[in-house]
């Protein structure tokens, strides 16, 4: 099952990031059609590497096509359009599959 993983770099204002992420962005992410097992963490620590990560999000989909359809949906477009509103530390979006 494919998993959408989003990694967020350290924001310039951690409290503003947390507030926007939990109040605005998480509800948008929960509206993604077909997404299951949604989990996020706002307390991520990078142990090794040059790209620090401070937050992560994971959502599972039944198929890769379902994931692609969810991202292309109005809900997916809304979630993607919201990212620049709070992700001042940059973002990396991955698809992990078995």
Protein backbone atom coordinates (compact mmCIF):
# COMPACT_ATOMS: atom_id res chain seq x y z
CA UNK A 1 0.00 0.00 0.00
CA UNK A 2 1.48 3.36 -0.96
CA UNK A 3 2.10 5.91 1.74
CA UNK A 4 2.28 9.65 1.23
CA UNK A 5 5.01 11.05 3.47
CA UNK A 6 5.59 14.75 3.98
CA UNK A 7 8.68 15.99 5.82
CA UNK A 8 8.83 19.57 7.06
CA UNK A 9 12.05 21.48 7.76
CA UNK A 10 12.38 23.63 10.88
CA UNK A 11 10.01 26.62 10.55
CA UNK A 12 11.02 30.18 11.29
CA UNK A 13 8.23 30.41 13.89
CA UNK A 14 7.56 26.98 15.44
CA UNK A 15 4.46 28.08 17.37
CA UNK A 16 2.85 29.66 14.29
CA UNK A 17 3.67 26.48 12.34
CA UNK A 18 2.07 24.28 14.99
CA UNK A 19 -1.03 26.43 15.25
CA UNK A 20 -1.63 26.62 11.49
CA UNK A 21 -0.75 22.97 10.94
CA UNK A 22 -3.16 21.66 13.56
CA UNK A 23 -5.97 24.19 13.03
CA UNK A 24 -5.93 24.49 9.24
CA UNK A 25 -3.72 21.96 7.48
CA UNK A 26 -4.58 18.74 9.33
CA UNK A 27 -8.31 19.16 8.59
CA UNK A 28 -7.43 19.65 4.91
CA UNK A 29 -5.27 16.52 4.95
CA UNK A 30 -7.99 14.49 6.65
CA UNK A 31 -10.31 15.38 3.77
CA UNK A 32 -8.07 13.63 1.21
CA UNK A 33 -10.28 11.05 -0.53
CA UNK A 34 -9.23 7.48 0.22
CA UNK A 35 -6.58 8.39 2.82
CA UNK A 36 -6.33 6.05 5.80
CA UNK A 37 -3.99 5.73 8.77
CA UNK A 38 -3.24 9.44 8.88
CA UNK A 39 -0.57 10.23 11.44
CA UNK A 40 1.63 13.23 12.03
CA UNK A 41 4.32 14.30 14.44
CA UNK A 42 5.41 17.81 15.28
CA UNK A 43 8.37 16.55 17.31
CA UNK A 44 10.76 15.00 14.79
CA UNK A 45 14.50 15.08 15.35
CA UNK A 46 17.05 14.50 12.59
CA UNK A 47 19.84 12.25 13.86
CA UNK A 48 21.97 12.09 10.71
CA UNK A 49 22.04 14.12 7.52
CA UNK A 50 22.16 17.64 6.21
CA UNK A 51 18.40 18.15 5.80
CA UNK A 52 16.84 18.69 9.22
CA UNK A 53 13.25 17.59 9.67
CA UNK A 54 11.04 18.93 12.47
CA UNK A 55 7.62 17.50 11.52
CA UNK A 56 6.21 14.63 9.46
CA UNK A 57 2.91 13.44 8.02
CA UNK A 58 1.94 10.00 6.71
CA UNK A 59 -1.23 8.80 4.97
CA UNK A 60 -1.84 5.40 3.42
CA UNK A 61 -3.84 4.73 0.26
CA UNK A 62 -5.20 1.47 -1.19
CA UNK A 63 -3.41 2.02 -4.52
CA UNK A 64 -0.95 4.40 -6.13
CA UNK A 65 -3.74 5.53 -8.45
CA UNK A 66 -5.84 6.34 -5.39
CA UNK A 67 -3.01 8.44 -3.97
CA UNK A 68 -2.55 10.27 -7.29
CA UNK A 69 -6.31 10.84 -7.57
CA UNK A 70 -6.44 12.20 -4.01
CA UNK A 71 -3.66 14.70 -4.73
CA UNK A 72 -5.40 15.80 -7.94
CA UNK A 73 -8.79 16.17 -6.22
CA UNK A 74 -10.07 19.56 -5.02
CA UNK A 75 -9.23 18.49 -1.45
CA UNK A 76 -5.70 17.53 -2.47
CA UNK A 77 -5.23 20.77 -4.36
CA UNK A 78 -6.44 22.75 -1.33
CA UNK A 79 -3.98 20.94 0.96
CA UNK A 80 -1.10 21.52 -1.45
CA UNK A 81 -2.00 25.19 -1.91
CA UNK A 82 -1.94 25.65 1.88
CA UNK A 83 1.66 24.44 2.33
CA UNK A 84 3.34 27.80 1.56
CA UNK A 85 1.15 29.40 4.25
CA UNK A 86 3.06 27.68 7.07
CA UNK A 87 5.99 25.54 5.83
CA UNK A 88 8.67 28.22 6.07
CA UNK A 89 11.36 25.58 6.65
CA UNK A 90 10.71 23.82 3.35
CA UNK A 91 8.95 20.58 2.58
CA UNK A 92 9.84 17.23 1.03
CA UNK A 93 7.01 15.05 -0.30
CA UNK A 94 7.62 11.34 -0.81
CA UNK A 95 5.65 8.32 -1.94
CA UNK A 96 6.69 5.11 -0.22
CA UNK A 97 5.44 1.77 -1.52
CA UNK A 98 5.95 -1.88 -0.72
